[in-house]
Amino acid sequence: MNGAVAEGLLSASEARQAAIRTWFAALRPGMTVALSTHINADGDGCGSEAALARLLAQRGIHCRIVNPTPWPAMFNFLLDDDIEERSALGVAGLEDIDALIVLDINDVRRLGHLADRVRTLTVPISVIDHHVAGDEPVGTLAVADTRACATGELVYDIAITLGLDITPAIAQALYAAVLTDTGSFRFSNTSPRAHGMAAMLLTAGVNPEEMYRRIYAQVSVGRLQLLRDALGSLGSDPALGLSWISVDAGVMDRFDVTSEELDGIVEHPRSIVGTRMALFFRDLGHGKVKVSFRSTGGVDVQQFARRYGGGGHAKASGAMLTGSLEEVREQVLTDARAYLGGAA
């Protein structure tokens, strides 16, 4: 690799740099800023928050993390005494702030129970995200690019554009964001730049073996029991390339697992030979079912998810539907068959 190519992989585009400078101009030393992400935060949301909180601290800006659901235990290693994580406060965590920065989403509804309060905030609200904007965007000022492999890539660009120090703790958080959102660098959003960033983060102190162990190799017995139970619900329609899997409302208590331990379940039906669309139905109880959509090839599940008020990426999206597990599953499977038939 020549020097020009290497520099190009590690440099932010002019458009991103301009957006970052405009965004940062609204922040001042001494501010208290709340950071938030979507319900059931994932590695990209958590890693981006943990990295940004430390980066902004270098400019005298105090950040507190206020998420709509508890911080996932599997990402506790990204926190430290230097980060104020106050998700348990709920909407109270959004009081007495000077600004709100929302990461990894651009639809206020994905802020769960925080959404109503966010709609009434009078402080500046900005968004750092790599998804297609939803029907109700969160803020007016954004650092957004759907070409980014992860929101963590945009936070990385904030660091290099503003000349901030990527410490080992920040590098670890950014690596967690990129690693998880690219599926360990195997999904189609894995760009040459993603690998270039990973290389730089390794030189900044990331231990890849330790990161793998912390994120992927510390599963509970309950997680394996849950997987065994979920695989019993596996269904497929080979003619259309449709596969699905489900878990009922009692699964969390039955196997004593947390919501983050459901991550990756949908990859099992997606791995079936010939599958073009994979679905994961999770009964949340109280008449709500979360559906995760995944695809291979040219099937756009983001477009499909939007009919249910959901969204995400072309190959990975989600939506929340009202009804029983059986009702939602029947409706979505019927719609998916028609969608895949039209896309054939």
Protein backbone atom coordinates (compact mmCIF):
# COMPACT_ATOMS: atom_id res chain seq x y z
CA MET A 1 0.00 0.00 0.00
CA ASN A 2 1.48 3.35 -0.97
CA GLY A 3 1.48 6.36 1.33
CA ALA A 4 -1.25 8.23 -0.54
CA VAL A 5 -3.66 5.30 -0.28
CA ALA A 6 -2.89 4.81 3.41
CA GLU A 7 -3.43 8.50 4.12
CA GLY A 8 -6.72 8.41 2.22
CA LEU A 9 -7.99 5.51 4.31
CA LEU A 10 -7.27 7.31 7.56
CA SER A 11 -8.40 10.82 6.57
CA ALA A 12 -11.96 12.09 6.86
CA SER A 13 -13.59 13.39 3.70
CA GLU A 14 -13.86 17.14 3.26
CA ALA A 15 -17.64 16.90 3.62
CA ARG A 16 -17.34 15.06 6.93
CA GLN A 17 -14.74 17.51 8.20
CA ALA A 18 -17.00 20.45 7.36
CA ALA A 19 -19.98 18.83 9.12
CA ILE A 20 -17.84 18.06 12.17
CA ARG A 21 -16.54 21.61 12.45
CA THR A 22 -20.06 23.04 12.14
CA TRP A 23 -21.31 20.60 14.78
CA PHE A 24 -18.45 21.27 17.19
CA ALA A 25 -18.80 25.06 16.88
CA ALA A 26 -22.01 24.80 18.91
CA LEU A 27 -20.16 23.23 21.88
CA ARG A 28 -18.24 25.16 24.51
CA PRO A 29 -15.89 24.27 27.38
CA GLY A 30 -17.80 23.96 30.65
CA MET A 31 -20.95 22.60 29.02
CA THR A 32 -22.79 19.58 30.43
CA VAL A 33 -23.85 17.39 27.53
CA ALA A 34 -26.05 14.28 27.61
CA LEU A 35 -25.19 11.42 25.24
CA SER A 36 -27.86 8.90 24.29
CA THR A 37 -28.45 6.05 21.88
CA HIS A 38 -31.20 3.60 20.95
CA ILE A 39 -33.04 1.19 23.21
CA ASN A 40 -31.04 -1.98 23.93
CA ALA A 41 -27.75 -0.30 23.06
CA ASP A 42 -25.31 -2.36 21.00
CA GLY A 43 -21.55 -2.26 20.59
CA ASP A 44 -21.64 0.63 18.15
CA GLY A 45 -23.90 2.75 20.36
CA CYS A 46 -21.96 1.98 23.54
CA GLY A 47 -18.54 2.25 21.97
CA SER A 48 -19.39 5.53 20.27
CA GLU A 49 -20.73 7.01 23.51
CA ALA A 50 -17.76 5.90 25.60
CA ALA A 51 -15.29 7.25 23.03
CA LEU A 52 -17.08 10.57 22.49
CA ALA A 53 -17.43 11.23 26.23
CA ARG A 54 -13.65 10.93 26.65
CA LEU A 55 -12.89 12.92 23.50
CA LEU A 56 -15.10 15.87 24.50
CA ALA A 57 -13.59 15.84 27.99
CA GLN A 58 -10.30 16.82 26.33
CA ARG A 59 -12.01 20.09 25.34
CA GLY A 60 -13.46 20.72 28.81
CA ILE A 61 -16.95 19.42 28.02
CA HIS A 62 -18.58 17.20 30.65
CA CYS A 63 -20.65 14.32 29.28
CA ARG A 64 -23.17 12.08 30.97
CA ILE A 65 -24.58 8.99 29.28
CA VAL A 66 -28.36 8.71 29.53
CA ASN A 67 -29.76 5.78 27.56
CA PRO A 68 -33.41 4.64 27.42
CA THR A 69 -32.45 1.14 28.61
CA PRO A 70 -29.70 -0.05 30.99
CA TRP A 71 -26.11 -0.09 29.84
CA PRO A 72 -25.38 -3.67 28.65
CA ALA A 73 -23.22 -5.59 31.12
CA MET A 74 -21.11 -7.03 28.30
CA PHE A 75 -19.85 -3.52 27.55
CA ASN A 76 -19.11 -2.51 31.14
CA PHE A 77 -15.41 -2.75 30.33
CA LEU A 78 -15.78 0.37 28.16
CA LEU A 79 -16.78 2.42 31.21
CA ASP A 80 -14.52 3.79 33.90
CA ASP A 81 -14.55 6.34 36.70
CA ASP A 82 -14.02 9.04 34.07
CA ILE A 83 -17.44 8.41 32.49
CA GLU A 84 -20.73 9.36 34.15
CA GLU A 85 -23.24 6.68 33.12
CA ARG A 86 -26.70 7.65 34.38
CA SER A 87 -29.18 5.64 32.30
CA ALA A 88 -30.94 4.52 35.50
CA LEU A 89 -32.07 8.11 36.07
CA GLY A 90 -34.38 7.96 33.06
CA VAL A 91 -35.73 11.35 31.92
CA ALA A 92 -34.25 12.95 35.05
CA GLY A 93 -30.83 12.46 33.47
CA LEU A 94 -31.81 14.94 30.77
CA GLU A 95 -32.39 17.78 33.23
CA ASP A 96 -29.87 20.59 33.68
CA ILE A 97 -28.01 19.87 30.46
CA ASP A 98 -26.71 22.35 27.91
CA ALA A 99 -27.01 20.06 24.88
CA LEU A 100 -28.00 16.55 23.82
CA ILE A 101 -26.05 14.40 21.38
CA VAL A 102 -27.82 11.31 20.06
CA LEU A 103 -25.66 8.58 18.54
CA ASP A 104 -26.39 5.67 16.19
CA ILE A 105 -30.04 6.61 15.47
CA ASN A 106 -31.89 9.38 13.69
CA ASP A 107 -35.48 8.70 14.70
CA VAL A 108 -36.66 9.99 18.06
CA ARG A 109 -38.96 7.00 18.56
CA ARG A 110 -35.93 4.74 19.02
CA LEU A 111 -35.17 6.64 22.23
CA GLY A 112 -37.98 4.71 23.91
CA HIS A 113 -39.33 6.33 27.08
CA LEU A 114 -36.93 9.25 26.65
CA ALA A 115 -38.56 10.29 23.37
CA ASP A 116 -41.37 12.44 24.79
CA ARG A 117 -38.95 14.43 26.95
CA VAL A 118 -36.51 14.85 24.06
CA ARG A 119 -39.30 16.28 21.91
CA THR A 120 -39.78 19.07 24.47
CA LEU A 121 -36.12 19.92 25.09
CA THR A 122 -35.12 23.48 24.23
CA VAL A 123 -31.35 22.85 24.29
CA PRO A 124 -29.45 22.12 21.05
CA ILE A 125 -29.85 18.52 19.88
CA SER A 126 -27.41 16.99 17.42
CA VAL A 127 -27.08 13.56 15.82
CA ILE A 128 -24.06 11.42 14.96
CA ASP A 129 -25.28 8.50 12.89
CA HIS A 130 -24.77 6.26 9.86
CA HIS A 131 -28.39 5.20 9.27
CA VAL A 132 -30.95 6.54 6.82
CA ALA A 133 -32.94 9.24 8.65
CA GLY A 134 -36.23 8.00 10.08
CA ASP A 135 -39.69 9.54 9.83
CA GLU A 136 -39.07 11.75 12.89
CA PRO A 137 -35.43 12.87 12.96
CA VAL A 138 -34.05 13.67 16.40
CA GLY A 139 -32.09 16.89 15.90
CA THR A 140 -31.33 19.62 13.41
CA LEU A 141 -27.52 19.47 13.49
CA ALA A 142 -25.94 16.26 12.31
CA VAL A 143 -22.72 14.47 11.52
CA ALA A 144 -24.27 11.75 9.39
CA ASP A 145 -23.12 9.51 6.56
CA THR A 146 -24.72 6.23 5.54
CA ARG A 147 -21.44 5.21 3.91
CA ALA A 148 -19.74 4.93 7.31
CA CYS A 149 -19.32 1.34 8.45
CA ALA A 150 -20.39 2.33 11.97
CA THR A 151 -21.22 5.41 14.00
CA GLY A 152 -17.85 4.73 15.61
CA GLU A 153 -16.21 5.63 12.29
CA LEU A 154 -17.77 9.10 12.50
CA VAL A 155 -16.59 9.50 16.11
CA TYR A 156 -13.12 8.50 14.93
CA ASP A 157 -13.37 11.26 12.31
CA ILE A 158 -14.33 13.75 15.03
CA ALA A 159 -11.12 12.85 16.84
CA ILE A 160 -8.83 13.26 13.84
CA THR A 161 -10.59 16.36 12.49
CA LEU A 162 -10.39 18.19 15.82
CA GLY A 163 -6.88 16.95 16.58
CA LEU A 164 -7.95 15.09 19.73
CA ASP A 165 -5.87 12.36 21.37
CA ILE A 166 -7.00 8.78 20.75
CA THR A 167 -5.99 7.23 24.06
CA PRO A 168 -5.95 3.46 24.62
CA ALA A 169 -9.39 3.67 26.30
CA ILE A 170 -10.82 5.65 23.37
CA ALA A 171 -9.23 3.28 20.86
CA GLN A 172 -10.78 0.31 22.66
CA ALA A 173 -14.24 1.92 22.56
CA LEU A 174 -13.95 2.79 18.86
CA TYR A 175 -12.70 -0.71 18.05
CA ALA A 176 -15.69 -2.22 19.86
CA ALA A 177 -18.01 -0.02 17.77
CA VAL A 178 -16.47 -0.97 14.44
CA LEU A 179 -15.88 -4.62 15.31
CA THR A 180 -19.49 -5.29 16.31
CA ASP A 181 -21.23 -3.28 13.57
CA THR A 182 -19.21 -4.96 10.82
CA GLY A 183 -19.84 -8.41 12.29
CA SER A 184 -16.13 -8.87 13.06
CA PHE A 185 -15.25 -7.39 9.65
CA ARG A 186 -17.34 -9.89 7.67
CA PHE A 187 -20.49 -7.89 6.76
CA SER A 188 -20.83 -5.98 3.49
CA ASN A 189 -20.29 -2.64 5.27
CA THR A 190 -16.68 -3.69 5.95
CA SER A 191 -14.80 -1.14 3.87
CA PRO A 192 -11.07 -0.77 3.23
CA ARG A 193 -11.28 2.21 5.59
CA ALA A 194 -12.73 0.00 8.34
CA HIS A 195 -9.60 -2.14 8.18
CA GLY A 196 -7.40 0.95 8.02
CA MET A 197 -9.06 2.32 11.16
CA ALA A 198 -8.70 -1.04 12.90
CA ALA A 199 -4.99 -1.06 12.15
CA MET A 200 -4.60 2.43 13.59
CA LEU A 201 -6.58 1.49 16.71
CA LEU A 202 -4.37 -1.56 17.25
CA THR A 203 -1.33 0.71 17.20
CA ALA A 204 -3.12 2.92 19.77
CA GLY A 205 -3.27 0.08 22.28
CA VAL A 206 -6.13 -2.27 21.39
CA ASN A 207 -5.55 -5.96 22.08
CA PRO A 208 -7.67 -7.84 19.48
CA GLU A 209 -7.60 -11.16 21.34
CA GLU A 210 -8.83 -9.50 24.51
CA MET A 211 -11.58 -7.66 22.61
CA TYR A 212 -12.76 -10.91 21.05
CA ARG A 213 -12.85 -12.60 24.43
CA ARG A 214 -14.73 -9.78 26.13
CA ILE A 215 -17.37 -9.41 23.41
CA TYR A 216 -17.80 -12.87 21.88
CA ALA A 217 -16.24 -15.50 24.15
CA GLN A 218 -17.89 -14.94 27.52
CA VAL A 219 -21.38 -16.38 27.07
CA SER A 220 -23.48 -17.65 29.95
CA VAL A 221 -25.03 -21.10 30.21
CA GLY A 222 -28.38 -19.35 29.87
CA ARG A 223 -27.36 -17.93 26.49
CA LEU A 224 -26.70 -21.44 25.13
CA GLN A 225 -29.97 -22.73 26.62
CA LEU A 226 -31.78 -19.80 24.99
CA LEU A 227 -30.16 -20.61 21.64
CA ARG A 228 -31.19 -24.26 21.96
CA ASP A 229 -34.78 -23.16 22.66
CA ALA A 230 -34.82 -20.62 19.81
CA LEU A 231 -33.49 -23.11 17.27
CA GLY A 232 -36.50 -25.29 18.04
CA SER A 233 -38.67 -22.58 16.44
CA LEU A 234 -36.61 -22.40 13.25
CA GLY A 235 -38.65 -22.21 10.07
CA SER A 236 -37.79 -21.73 6.41
CA ASP A 237 -39.31 -21.33 2.96
CA PRO A 238 -36.52 -22.55 0.64
CA ALA A 239 -38.43 -21.64 -2.53
CA LEU A 240 -38.35 -17.94 -1.61
CA GLY A 241 -35.16 -17.91 0.45
CA LEU A 242 -36.97 -16.94 3.67
CA SER A 243 -35.93 -18.17 7.13
CA TRP A 244 -37.07 -17.18 10.61
CA ILE A 245 -36.66 -17.86 14.31
CA SER A 246 -38.65 -16.79 17.38
CA VAL A 247 -38.46 -16.47 21.16
CA ASP A 248 -41.43 -16.05 23.47
CA ALA A 249 -42.03 -13.48 26.18
CA GLY A 250 -40.83 -15.66 29.04
CA VAL A 251 -37.43 -16.54 27.63
CA MET A 252 -35.46 -13.92 29.54
CA ASP A 253 -36.68 -15.07 32.95
CA ARG A 254 -36.65 -18.74 32.05
CA PHE A 255 -32.95 -18.77 31.22
CA ASP A 256 -31.90 -15.80 33.36
CA VAL A 257 -30.44 -13.86 30.44
CA THR A 258 -30.30 -10.20 29.49
CA SER A 259 -31.43 -8.61 26.25
CA GLU A 260 -27.90 -8.27 24.88
CA GLU A 261 -27.56 -12.06 25.00
CA LEU A 262 -30.08 -12.19 22.15
CA ASP A 263 -27.58 -10.50 19.86
CA GLY A 264 -26.57 -12.69 16.95
CA ILE A 265 -29.55 -15.07 17.16
CA VAL A 266 -30.80 -13.88 13.78
CA GLU A 267 -27.51 -14.89 12.17
CA HIS A 268 -28.47 -18.55 12.51
CA PRO A 269 -31.44 -18.44 10.11
CA ARG A 270 -29.49 -16.07 7.85
CA SER A 271 -26.72 -18.67 7.56
CA ILE A 272 -29.05 -21.24 5.95
CA VAL A 273 -28.03 -21.94 2.35
CA GLY A 274 -30.21 -19.99 -0.09
CA THR A 275 -31.62 -17.58 2.48
CA ARG A 276 -32.22 -14.07 1.13
CA MET A 277 -34.15 -12.71 4.13
CA ALA A 278 -33.91 -13.83 7.75
CA LEU A 279 -36.32 -12.74 10.50
CA PHE A 280 -36.03 -12.85 14.28
CA PHE A 281 -39.27 -12.42 16.24
CA ARG A 282 -38.92 -11.51 19.90
CA ASP A 283 -42.10 -11.36 21.98
CA LEU A 284 -41.66 -8.53 24.49
CA GLY A 285 -44.98 -9.18 26.19
CA HIS A 286 -47.81 -6.68 26.60
CA GLY A 287 -48.76 -7.06 22.94
CA LYS A 288 -45.40 -5.92 21.53
CA VAL A 289 -43.11 -7.91 19.24
CA LYS A 290 -39.68 -6.78 18.08
CA VAL A 291 -38.70 -8.02 14.63
CA SER A 292 -35.12 -8.03 13.36
CA PHE A 293 -34.62 -8.22 9.60
CA ARG A 294 -31.42 -9.44 7.92
CA SER A 295 -30.67 -10.11 4.27
CA THR A 296 -28.10 -11.43 1.87
CA GLY A 297 -27.58 -10.50 -1.75
CA GLY A 298 -29.63 -7.65 -3.14
CA VAL A 299 -32.66 -7.80 -0.84
CA ASP A 300 -33.24 -4.44 0.90
CA VAL A 301 -34.70 -5.14 4.35
CA GLN A 302 -34.54 -1.47 5.33
CA GLN A 303 -37.17 -0.73 2.72
CA PHE A 304 -39.23 -3.68 3.95
CA ALA A 305 -38.96 -2.64 7.62
CA ARG A 306 -40.20 0.87 6.87
CA ARG A 307 -43.70 -0.45 6.18
CA TYR A 308 -43.86 -1.22 9.93
CA GLY A 309 -42.36 2.08 11.03
CA GLY A 310 -38.92 0.54 11.39
CA GLY A 311 -35.61 1.12 9.65
CA GLY A 312 -31.88 0.67 9.75
CA HIS A 313 -29.66 -0.55 6.92
CA ALA A 314 -30.30 -2.30 3.62
CA LYS A 315 -29.08 -5.60 5.09
CA ALA A 316 -29.91 -5.13 8.77
CA SER A 317 -33.03 -3.41 10.10
CA GLY A 318 -35.63 -3.69 12.82
CA ALA A 319 -39.17 -2.72 13.76
CA MET A 320 -41.61 -2.91 16.66
CA LEU A 321 -45.08 -4.30 15.94
CA THR A 322 -48.25 -4.54 18.00
CA GLY A 323 -49.98 -7.89 18.47
CA SER A 324 -49.30 -11.38 19.74
CA LEU A 325 -46.21 -13.27 18.60
CA GLU A 326 -48.36 -15.55 16.44
CA GLU A 327 -50.24 -12.64 14.85
CA VAL A 328 -47.15 -10.61 14.08
CA ARG A 329 -45.23 -13.60 12.77
CA GLU A 330 -48.09 -14.57 10.44
CA GLN A 331 -48.46 -11.00 9.15
CA VAL A 332 -44.75 -10.40 8.58
CA LEU A 333 -44.16 -13.80 6.98
CA THR A 334 -47.05 -13.21 4.59
CA ASP A 335 -45.69 -9.78 3.69
CA ALA A 336 -42.14 -11.11 3.37
CA ARG A 337 -43.22 -13.84 0.97
CA ALA A 338 -44.92 -11.25 -1.22
CA TYR A 339 -41.91 -8.92 -0.99
CA LEU A 340 -39.43 -11.64 -1.89
CA GLY A 341 -41.69 -12.85 -4.68
CA GLY A 342 -41.63 -9.38 -6.18
CA ALA A 343 -37.87 -9.14 -5.73
CA ALA A 344 -37.20 -12.46 -7.39
